[in-house]
Amino acid sequence: VQLQASGGGLVQAGGSLRLSCTASGNFLSIFIMGWSRQEPGKERVLVAQMSTSGNPNCHDSVKGRFTISRDFAENTVSLQMNSLKPEDTAVYYCHAAVNRGSSDLSWYWGAGTLVTVSS
C-alpha cells in the first residue's frame, strides 16, 4: 500500500494550505485515513483522522481551523488548514488503516510533506 501526499509548502501566519493524500495498492478497503505531524525533536502526534463513519477526530489545537475530508471512492484524504500559526510548522504524514483480508487492520504512513508557517 502506498500513500502519496501533496500540498505542503511555505505560508505566512494566517494563511491556508491544503494537503491531499491518495492511497493505492492491494487492499480491500480503508477504514481510517488521516494526518499526523512531527516537529523537530518531538514525537509524532495525531492531527486529524476520519473513519468510514465519516466522523472526524481532530486534535484540540486544530479544531476550528483544520478540516479533514475523505473521498471514499477515490481513496483520498484531504486536510484543509486555515488560520495557520507558526506552531503548525511540522512534517505532516498521511496515514491509513486498511483491510487487506485478514482480521486485523494494517497501518501505513506516507513519506511526509513539510509545512512551514512563517510569522
Protein backbone atom coordinates (compact mmCIF):
# COMPACT_ATOMS: atom_id res chain seq x y z
CA VAL A 1 0.00 0.00 0.00
CA GLN A 2 1.40 3.39 -0.97
CA LEU A 3 0.33 6.77 0.32
CA GLN A 4 1.17 9.72 -1.89
CA ALA A 5 0.80 13.13 -0.27
CA SER A 6 0.95 16.58 -1.76
CA GLY A 7 0.27 20.18 -0.84
CA GLY A 8 2.90 21.15 1.69
CA GLY A 9 4.85 24.35 1.45
CA LEU A 10 5.63 27.74 2.95
CA VAL A 11 2.88 30.10 4.04
CA GLN A 12 2.61 33.16 6.22
CA ALA A 13 0.81 33.06 9.53
CA GLY A 14 -2.92 33.38 8.99
CA GLY A 15 -2.72 31.76 5.59
CA SER A 16 -4.08 28.48 4.30
CA LEU A 17 -2.79 25.27 2.79
CA ARG A 18 -4.49 22.12 1.64
CA LEU A 19 -2.89 18.71 1.95
CA SER A 20 -4.09 15.73 -0.03
CA CYS A 21 -3.16 12.07 0.14
CA THR A 22 -4.14 9.17 -2.09
CA ALA A 23 -3.81 5.52 -1.22
CA SER A 24 -3.03 2.90 -3.82
CA GLY A 25 -2.06 -0.76 -3.85
CA ASN A 26 -3.60 -4.02 -2.72
CA PHE A 27 -6.30 -3.71 -0.12
CA LEU A 28 -9.99 -4.47 0.25
CA SER A 29 -10.99 -1.26 1.96
CA ILE A 30 -9.68 1.63 4.00
CA PHE A 31 -11.07 2.03 7.47
CA ILE A 32 -9.21 5.10 8.65
CA MET A 33 -7.32 7.84 6.83
CA GLY A 34 -5.78 10.84 8.45
CA TRP A 35 -2.84 13.06 9.22
CA SER A 36 -0.27 13.30 11.93
CA ARG A 37 2.62 15.73 12.28
CA GLN A 38 6.06 15.82 13.78
CA GLU A 39 8.09 18.83 14.83
CA PRO A 40 11.88 18.54 15.05
CA GLY A 41 12.91 16.75 18.22
CA LYS A 42 9.35 15.89 19.16
CA GLU A 43 7.13 12.84 18.86
CA ARG A 44 4.65 12.46 16.07
CA VAL A 45 1.13 13.46 17.10
CA LEU A 46 -2.24 12.90 15.55
CA VAL A 47 -3.71 15.95 13.83
CA ALA A 48 -6.93 14.59 12.39
CA GLN A 49 -8.39 11.37 11.07
CA MET A 50 -11.64 10.03 9.78
CA SER A 51 -13.02 6.52 9.75
CA THR A 52 -15.65 5.08 7.45
CA SER A 53 -18.25 6.57 9.77
CA GLY A 54 -17.40 9.96 8.33
CA ASN A 55 -16.99 11.48 11.77
CA PRO A 56 -13.77 13.49 12.11
CA ASN A 57 -11.43 13.19 15.04
CA CYS A 58 -9.24 16.28 15.41
CA HIS A 59 -6.61 17.39 17.87
CA ASP A 60 -7.83 20.19 20.10
CA SER A 61 -5.13 22.53 18.81
CA VAL A 62 -6.52 22.48 15.27
CA LYS A 63 -10.26 22.39 15.92
CA GLY A 64 -11.98 25.25 14.18
CA ARG A 65 -9.00 25.80 11.88
CA PHE A 66 -8.36 22.48 10.13
CA THR A 67 -10.96 20.40 8.32
CA ILE A 68 -10.44 16.81 7.29
CA SER A 69 -12.39 15.23 4.47
CA ARG A 70 -12.35 11.95 2.60
CA ASP A 71 -13.26 10.89 -0.87
CA PHE A 72 -14.12 7.26 -0.22
CA ALA A 73 -14.42 6.40 -3.89
CA GLU A 74 -11.00 7.83 -4.72
CA ASN A 75 -9.24 6.60 -1.54
CA THR A 76 -8.20 10.14 -0.79
CA VAL A 77 -7.99 12.19 2.37
CA SER A 78 -7.55 15.95 2.46
CA LEU A 79 -6.70 18.40 5.19
CA GLN A 80 -7.76 21.99 4.71
CA MET A 81 -5.65 24.11 7.02
CA ASN A 82 -6.80 27.66 7.67
CA SER A 83 -5.58 30.35 10.05
CA LEU A 84 -2.19 28.69 10.16
CA LYS A 85 0.13 29.50 13.03
CA PRO A 86 3.92 29.21 13.30
CA GLU A 87 3.39 26.37 15.76
CA ASP A 88 1.73 24.38 12.98
CA THR A 89 5.14 24.10 11.32
CA ALA A 90 5.99 20.41 11.05
CA VAL A 91 6.32 17.49 8.71
CA TYR A 92 2.85 16.18 8.05
CA TYR A 93 2.33 12.47 7.48
CA CYS A 94 -0.65 10.83 5.88
CA HIS A 95 -1.73 7.52 7.42
CA ALA A 96 -4.22 4.83 6.64
CA ALA A 97 -5.59 1.73 8.32
CA VAL A 98 -6.57 -0.74 5.65
CA ASN A 99 -8.25 -4.09 5.43
CA ARG A 100 -6.14 -6.49 3.42
CA GLY A 101 -8.33 -9.51 4.03
CA SER A 102 -7.16 -10.58 7.48
CA SER A 103 -8.93 -9.98 10.77
CA ASP A 104 -6.54 -7.15 11.65
CA LEU A 105 -6.09 -3.74 10.12
CA SER A 106 -2.73 -2.83 8.60
CA TRP A 107 -1.36 0.67 9.17
CA TYR A 108 0.63 2.62 6.61
CA TRP A 109 2.26 6.04 6.56
CA GLY A 110 3.28 8.29 3.72
CA ALA A 111 6.70 9.87 3.34
CA GLY A 112 5.71 13.20 4.84
CA THR A 113 5.30 16.68 3.49
CA LEU A 114 6.78 19.79 5.11
CA VAL A 115 4.54 22.64 6.16
CA THR A 116 6.30 25.82 7.21
CA VAL A 117 4.38 28.75 8.66
CA SER A 118 6.32 31.98 8.94
CA SER A 119 5.48 34.65 11.49
